Amino acid sequence: MPPRPCPCGLPEPFASCCGRYLGESGTPAPTAEALMRSRYTAFARGDVDHLLRTWHPSTRPTTLTLDPALRWTRLEVLDRVGGGLFDTDGTVEFRAHHREGPTTGVLHERSRFVRDAGQWFYRDGTVR
């Protein structure tokens, strides 16, 4: 049976896609979009450590509790500005689809990222 595609929506298997960025020994994401996709995957998999580790210290909460009943089902990347290999900031707009029991919903956000000491961090976002 072939490996399942990564939760972030790209066709690669988890291990060679977002999986390489998650976990204590994960490598830093090379772009703001790659970080955003890995953070979506972390929400989908319940990986609070990755979410906190990749949140910029200036805006990071001290704790984060995920709702175990909320299931993230699909990610759509709508736009990206900056956030490349040689940028210091970037913005990624996305829609993250979710389900809680029979109810479905969409989180539409424009997230801001900053690269500090060569590593991308989520700074904040504006819900649309």
N, C-alpha and C. Protein backbone atom coordinates (compact mmCIF):
# COMPACT_ATOMS: atom_id res chain seq x y z
N MET A 1 0.85 -1.17 0.00
CA MET A 1 0.00 0.00 0.00
C MET A 1 0.91 1.25 0.00
N PRO A 2 0.67 2.19 -0.91
CA PRO A 2 1.52 3.39 -0.96
C PRO A 2 1.30 4.28 0.26
N PRO A 3 2.34 5.06 0.65
CA PRO A 3 2.16 5.97 1.79
C PRO A 3 1.11 7.03 1.48
N ARG A 4 0.43 7.44 2.52
CA ARG A 4 -0.60 8.48 2.36
C ARG A 4 0.07 9.83 2.14
N PRO A 5 -0.58 10.70 1.34
CA PRO A 5 0.00 12.03 1.14
C PRO A 5 0.00 12.83 2.44
N CYS A 6 0.84 13.83 2.49
CA CYS A 6 0.96 14.69 3.67
C CYS A 6 -0.36 15.41 3.92
N PRO A 7 -0.73 15.64 5.19
CA PRO A 7 -1.95 16.38 5.50
C PRO A 7 -1.98 17.79 4.91
N CYS A 8 -0.81 18.38 4.59
CA CYS A 8 -0.78 19.76 4.10
C CYS A 8 -1.33 19.90 2.69
N GLY A 9 -1.61 18.80 2.01
CA GLY A 9 -2.21 18.86 0.68
C GLY A 9 -1.24 18.63 -0.46
N LEU A 10 0.05 18.65 -0.19
CA LEU A 10 1.01 18.33 -1.24
C LEU A 10 1.02 16.81 -1.44
N PRO A 11 1.37 16.33 -2.61
CA PRO A 11 1.25 14.89 -2.88
C PRO A 11 2.34 14.02 -2.25
N GLU A 12 3.40 14.61 -1.69
CA GLU A 12 4.47 13.82 -1.10
C GLU A 12 4.00 13.13 0.18
N PRO A 13 4.61 11.99 0.51
CA PRO A 13 4.30 11.34 1.80
C PRO A 13 4.74 12.25 2.96
N PHE A 14 4.08 12.09 4.09
CA PHE A 14 4.36 12.90 5.27
C PHE A 14 5.85 12.96 5.60
N ALA A 15 6.54 11.82 5.61
CA ALA A 15 7.94 11.77 6.03
C ALA A 15 8.84 12.66 5.18
N SER A 16 8.58 12.73 3.89
CA SER A 16 9.43 13.54 3.02
C SER A 16 8.86 14.93 2.77
N CYS A 17 7.72 15.23 3.35
CA CYS A 17 7.11 16.55 3.21
C CYS A 17 7.22 17.25 4.57
N CYS A 18 6.13 17.47 5.24
CA CYS A 18 6.14 18.19 6.52
C CYS A 18 6.80 17.40 7.64
N GLY A 19 6.85 16.09 7.54
CA GLY A 19 7.45 15.27 8.58
C GLY A 19 8.90 15.62 8.87
N ARG A 20 9.61 16.10 7.86
CA ARG A 20 11.03 16.45 8.08
C ARG A 20 11.20 17.71 8.92
N TYR A 21 10.13 18.51 9.09
CA TYR A 21 10.20 19.73 9.88
C TYR A 21 9.67 19.53 11.30
N LEU A 22 8.84 18.51 11.51
CA LEU A 22 8.25 18.27 12.82
C LEU A 22 9.20 17.44 13.69
N GLY A 23 8.92 17.41 14.96
CA GLY A 23 9.74 16.63 15.89
C GLY A 23 10.92 17.43 16.38
N GLU A 24 11.50 16.99 17.49
CA GLU A 24 12.62 17.71 18.11
C GLU A 24 13.81 17.84 17.19
N SER A 25 14.04 16.84 16.35
CA SER A 25 15.20 16.88 15.45
C SER A 25 14.84 17.37 14.06
N GLY A 26 13.64 17.94 13.91
CA GLY A 26 13.21 18.44 12.61
C GLY A 26 14.08 19.57 12.11
N THR A 27 14.23 19.64 10.81
CA THR A 27 15.01 20.73 10.22
C THR A 27 14.13 21.95 10.06
N PRO A 28 14.70 23.15 10.10
CA PRO A 28 13.90 24.36 9.90
C PRO A 28 13.32 24.41 8.49
N ALA A 29 12.10 24.88 8.37
CA ALA A 29 11.45 25.03 7.06
C ALA A 29 12.19 26.10 6.26
N PRO A 30 12.42 25.87 4.96
CA PRO A 30 13.19 26.82 4.16
C PRO A 30 12.43 28.06 3.72
N THR A 31 11.10 28.00 3.75
CA THR A 31 10.28 29.14 3.31
C THR A 31 9.12 29.34 4.28
N ALA A 32 8.50 30.51 4.19
CA ALA A 32 7.33 30.78 5.03
C ALA A 32 6.19 29.83 4.68
N GLU A 33 5.98 29.54 3.40
CA GLU A 33 4.91 28.62 3.03
C GLU A 33 5.17 27.22 3.57
N ALA A 34 6.41 26.75 3.49
CA ALA A 34 6.73 25.42 4.03
C ALA A 34 6.45 25.37 5.53
N LEU A 35 6.78 26.47 6.24
CA LEU A 35 6.49 26.52 7.68
C LEU A 35 4.99 26.52 7.92
N MET A 36 4.25 27.30 7.14
CA MET A 36 2.80 27.35 7.32
C MET A 36 2.20 25.96 7.09
N ARG A 37 2.63 25.27 6.04
CA ARG A 37 2.13 23.92 5.77
C ARG A 37 2.47 22.97 6.91
N SER A 38 3.69 23.09 7.45
CA SER A 38 4.07 22.21 8.56
C SER A 38 3.26 22.52 9.81
N ARG A 39 2.91 23.79 10.01
CA ARG A 39 2.09 24.15 11.16
C ARG A 39 0.66 23.63 10.99
N TYR A 40 0.12 23.69 9.77
CA TYR A 40 -1.19 23.09 9.53
C TYR A 40 -1.14 21.60 9.85
N THR A 41 -0.09 20.94 9.36
CA THR A 41 0.07 19.51 9.62
C THR A 41 0.18 19.24 11.12
N ALA A 42 0.87 20.11 11.84
CA ALA A 42 0.98 19.96 13.29
C ALA A 42 -0.39 20.10 13.96
N PHE A 43 -1.21 21.03 13.49
CA PHE A 43 -2.58 21.13 14.02
C PHE A 43 -3.34 19.84 13.72
N ALA A 44 -3.21 19.33 12.50
CA ALA A 44 -3.93 18.11 12.10
C ALA A 44 -3.48 16.89 12.91
N ARG A 45 -2.22 16.86 13.29
CA ARG A 45 -1.67 15.72 14.03
C ARG A 45 -1.61 15.94 15.54
N GLY A 46 -1.97 17.15 16.00
CA GLY A 46 -1.96 17.44 17.43
C GLY A 46 -0.56 17.67 17.99
N ASP A 47 0.36 18.16 17.19
CA ASP A 47 1.74 18.38 17.60
C ASP A 47 1.93 19.79 18.17
N VAL A 48 1.56 19.97 19.43
CA VAL A 48 1.64 21.27 20.09
C VAL A 48 3.08 21.75 20.18
N ASP A 49 4.04 20.84 20.40
CA ASP A 49 5.44 21.23 20.53
C ASP A 49 5.93 21.95 19.27
N HIS A 50 5.60 21.43 18.10
CA HIS A 50 6.02 22.07 16.85
C HIS A 50 5.38 23.45 16.73
N LEU A 51 4.12 23.56 17.07
CA LEU A 51 3.43 24.85 16.97
C LEU A 51 4.09 25.89 17.86
N LEU A 52 4.39 25.54 19.09
CA LEU A 52 5.02 26.49 20.01
C LEU A 52 6.46 26.80 19.59
N ARG A 53 7.19 25.78 19.15
CA ARG A 53 8.59 25.96 18.75
C ARG A 53 8.73 26.88 17.53
N THR A 54 7.72 26.90 16.66
CA THR A 54 7.80 27.69 15.42
C THR A 54 7.02 29.01 15.53
N TRP A 55 6.57 29.34 16.71
CA TRP A 55 5.86 30.61 16.97
C TRP A 55 6.90 31.62 17.43
N HIS A 56 6.91 32.80 16.86
CA HIS A 56 7.91 33.80 17.23
C HIS A 56 7.78 34.14 18.71
N PRO A 57 8.92 34.24 19.43
CA PRO A 57 8.87 34.50 20.88
C PRO A 57 8.10 35.78 21.25
N SER A 58 8.05 36.77 20.36
CA SER A 58 7.36 38.02 20.68
C SER A 58 5.84 37.88 20.73
N THR A 59 5.30 36.82 20.12
CA THR A 59 3.83 36.63 20.11
C THR A 59 3.40 35.26 20.60
N ARG A 60 4.34 34.41 20.95
CA ARG A 60 4.05 33.03 21.35
C ARG A 60 3.30 32.98 22.68
N PRO A 61 2.21 32.20 22.73
CA PRO A 61 1.54 32.01 24.02
C PRO A 61 2.38 31.09 24.91
N THR A 62 2.15 31.14 26.21
CA THR A 62 2.91 30.27 27.10
C THR A 62 2.45 28.82 27.01
N THR A 63 1.17 28.63 26.72
CA THR A 63 0.63 27.27 26.54
C THR A 63 -0.33 27.28 25.36
N LEU A 64 -0.61 26.11 24.85
CA LEU A 64 -1.53 25.97 23.74
C LEU A 64 -2.28 24.65 23.93
N THR A 65 -3.59 24.72 23.92
CA THR A 65 -4.41 23.53 24.05
C THR A 65 -5.23 23.38 22.78
N LEU A 66 -5.11 22.22 22.14
CA LEU A 66 -5.87 21.96 20.92
C LEU A 66 -7.15 21.22 21.27
N ASP A 67 -8.19 21.50 20.53
CA ASP A 67 -9.49 20.84 20.71
C ASP A 67 -9.42 19.46 20.05
N PRO A 68 -9.46 18.37 20.83
CA PRO A 68 -9.33 17.04 20.23
C PRO A 68 -10.52 16.66 19.34
N ALA A 69 -11.64 17.35 19.46
CA ALA A 69 -12.81 17.04 18.63
C ALA A 69 -12.73 17.69 17.25
N LEU A 70 -11.83 18.66 17.09
CA LEU A 70 -11.70 19.38 15.83
C LEU A 70 -10.76 18.61 14.90
N ARG A 71 -11.24 18.28 13.71
CA ARG A 71 -10.45 17.55 12.71
C ARG A 71 -10.17 18.46 11.53
N TRP A 72 -8.89 18.69 11.25
CA TRP A 72 -8.49 19.50 10.10
C TRP A 72 -8.49 18.60 8.88
N THR A 73 -9.23 18.99 7.84
CA THR A 73 -9.48 18.09 6.72
C THR A 73 -8.83 18.49 5.40
N ARG A 74 -8.53 19.79 5.22
CA ARG A 74 -7.97 20.21 3.93
C ARG A 74 -7.38 21.60 4.05
N LEU A 75 -6.29 21.82 3.32
CA LEU A 75 -5.63 23.11 3.30
C LEU A 75 -5.57 23.64 1.87
N GLU A 76 -5.91 24.91 1.70
CA GLU A 76 -5.78 25.60 0.41
C GLU A 76 -4.88 26.81 0.62
N VAL A 77 -3.77 26.87 -0.09
CA VAL A 77 -2.92 28.06 -0.06
C VAL A 77 -3.41 28.98 -1.16
N LEU A 78 -3.81 30.20 -0.79
CA LEU A 78 -4.42 31.14 -1.73
C LEU A 78 -3.43 32.15 -2.28
N ASP A 79 -2.47 32.58 -1.44
CA ASP A 79 -1.53 33.62 -1.87
C ASP A 79 -0.31 33.58 -0.98
N ARG A 80 0.81 34.03 -1.52
CA ARG A 80 2.02 34.17 -0.74
C ARG A 80 2.77 35.39 -1.25
N VAL A 81 3.30 36.16 -0.32
CA VAL A 81 4.09 37.34 -0.64
C VAL A 81 5.38 37.24 0.16
N GLY A 82 6.51 37.30 -0.53
CA GLY A 82 7.79 37.14 0.16
C GLY A 82 7.89 35.74 0.74
N GLY A 83 8.66 35.63 1.80
CA GLY A 83 8.77 34.35 2.49
C GLY A 83 9.69 33.35 1.82
N GLY A 84 10.50 33.82 0.87
CA GLY A 84 11.39 32.93 0.14
C GLY A 84 12.72 32.71 0.83
N LEU A 85 13.60 32.04 0.13
CA LEU A 85 14.90 31.66 0.68
C LEU A 85 15.75 32.86 1.10
N PHE A 86 15.58 34.01 0.47
CA PHE A 86 16.41 35.17 0.76
C PHE A 86 15.63 36.31 1.42
N ASP A 87 14.37 36.05 1.79
CA ASP A 87 13.54 37.07 2.43
C ASP A 87 13.67 37.01 3.94
N THR A 88 13.27 38.09 4.60
CA THR A 88 13.25 38.12 6.07
C THR A 88 11.84 38.14 6.62
N ASP A 89 10.85 38.35 5.75
CA ASP A 89 9.46 38.25 6.18
C ASP A 89 8.62 37.75 5.01
N GLY A 90 7.45 37.29 5.35
CA GLY A 90 6.55 36.77 4.33
C GLY A 90 5.14 36.65 4.86
N THR A 91 4.22 36.57 3.92
CA THR A 91 2.80 36.44 4.26
C THR A 91 2.23 35.30 3.43
N VAL A 92 1.43 34.47 4.07
CA VAL A 92 0.76 33.37 3.38
C VAL A 92 -0.72 33.44 3.73
N GLU A 93 -1.56 33.48 2.71
CA GLU A 93 -3.01 33.45 2.91
C GLU A 93 -3.50 32.05 2.59
N PHE A 94 -4.36 31.53 3.46
CA PHE A 94 -4.83 30.15 3.28
C PHE A 94 -6.24 29.99 3.81
N ARG A 95 -6.83 28.88 3.42
CA ARG A 95 -8.09 28.39 4.00
C ARG A 95 -7.82 27.01 4.55
N ALA A 96 -8.12 26.83 5.82
CA ALA A 96 -7.98 25.53 6.48
C ALA A 96 -9.37 25.02 6.82
N HIS A 97 -9.75 23.92 6.20
CA HIS A 97 -11.08 23.34 6.39
C HIS A 97 -11.04 22.39 7.58
N HIS A 98 -12.12 22.39 8.33
CA HIS A 98 -12.18 21.53 9.51
C HIS A 98 -13.58 20.98 9.71
N ARG A 99 -13.65 19.98 10.59
CA ARG A 99 -14.92 19.35 10.94
C ARG A 99 -14.92 19.07 12.43
N GLU A 100 -16.07 19.27 13.04
CA GLU A 100 -16.28 18.91 14.44
C GLU A 100 -17.61 18.21 14.50
N GLY A 101 -17.56 16.88 14.58
CA GLY A 101 -18.79 16.09 14.48
C GLY A 101 -19.39 16.30 13.10
N PRO A 102 -20.69 16.62 13.04
CA PRO A 102 -21.31 16.82 11.72
C PRO A 102 -21.12 18.24 11.16
N THR A 103 -20.51 19.13 11.94
CA THR A 103 -20.37 20.52 11.54
C THR A 103 -19.03 20.75 10.84
N THR A 104 -19.07 21.44 9.71
CA THR A 104 -17.84 21.79 9.00
C THR A 104 -17.63 23.30 9.07
N GLY A 105 -16.39 23.70 8.87
CA GLY A 105 -16.06 25.12 8.88
C GLY A 105 -14.76 25.39 8.14
N VAL A 106 -14.46 26.66 8.00
CA VAL A 106 -13.24 27.08 7.30
C VAL A 106 -12.60 28.22 8.08
N LEU A 107 -11.31 28.10 8.33
CA LEU A 107 -10.52 29.19 8.88
C LEU A 107 -9.79 29.84 7.71
N HIS A 108 -10.11 31.10 7.43
CA HIS A 108 -9.46 31.85 6.34
C HIS A 108 -8.56 32.87 7.02
N GLU A 109 -7.26 32.72 6.83
CA GLU A 109 -6.31 33.57 7.55
C GLU A 109 -5.20 34.06 6.61
N ARG A 110 -4.72 35.23 6.91
CA ARG A 110 -3.52 35.78 6.27
C ARG A 110 -2.47 35.83 7.38
N SER A 111 -1.50 34.91 7.31
CA SER A 111 -0.49 34.76 8.36
C SER A 111 0.79 35.49 7.99
N ARG A 112 1.40 36.10 9.01
CA ARG A 112 2.68 36.78 8.82
C ARG A 112 3.80 35.96 9.46
N PHE A 113 4.90 35.86 8.73
CA PHE A 113 6.05 35.09 9.17
C PHE A 113 7.29 35.97 9.13
N VAL A 114 8.24 35.67 9.99
CA VAL A 114 9.50 36.40 10.03
C VAL A 114 10.64 35.39 10.14
N ARG A 115 11.75 35.70 9.46
CA ARG A 115 12.92 34.84 9.59
C ARG A 115 13.90 35.51 10.54
N ASP A 116 14.27 34.78 11.59
CA ASP A 116 15.15 35.28 12.63
C ASP A 116 16.29 34.27 12.79
N ALA A 117 17.52 34.75 12.66
CA ALA A 117 18.71 33.88 12.77
C ALA A 117 18.61 32.68 11.82
N GLY A 118 18.08 32.92 10.62
CA GLY A 118 18.00 31.88 9.61
C GLY A 118 16.83 30.93 9.73
N GLN A 119 15.95 31.13 10.68
CA GLN A 119 14.80 30.24 10.89
C GLN A 119 13.50 31.01 10.77
N TRP A 120 12.54 30.42 10.06
CA TRP A 120 11.22 31.03 9.92
C TRP A 120 10.38 30.79 11.16
N PHE A 121 9.60 31.81 11.53
CA PHE A 121 8.67 31.73 12.66
C PHE A 121 7.33 32.33 12.24
N TYR A 122 6.25 31.76 12.78
CA TYR A 122 4.92 32.37 12.65
C TYR A 122 4.89 33.55 13.60
N ARG A 123 4.49 34.73 13.10
CA ARG A 123 4.39 35.90 13.97
C ARG A 123 2.94 36.11 14.41
N ASP A 124 2.04 36.28 13.45
CA ASP A 124 0.63 36.47 13.79
C ASP A 124 -0.18 36.34 12.52
N GLY A 125 -1.48 36.46 12.67
CA GLY A 125 -2.35 36.32 11.50
C GLY A 125 -3.62 37.14 11.66
N THR A 126 -4.22 37.42 10.51
CA THR A 126 -5.48 38.12 10.48
C THR A 126 -6.52 37.19 9.88
N VAL A 127 -7.57 36.93 10.66
CA VAL A 127 -8.63 36.06 10.19
C VAL A 127 -9.53 36.88 9.27
N ARG A 128 -9.89 36.30 8.16
CA ARG A 128 -10.71 36.98 7.16
C ARG A 128 -12.12 36.47 7.19
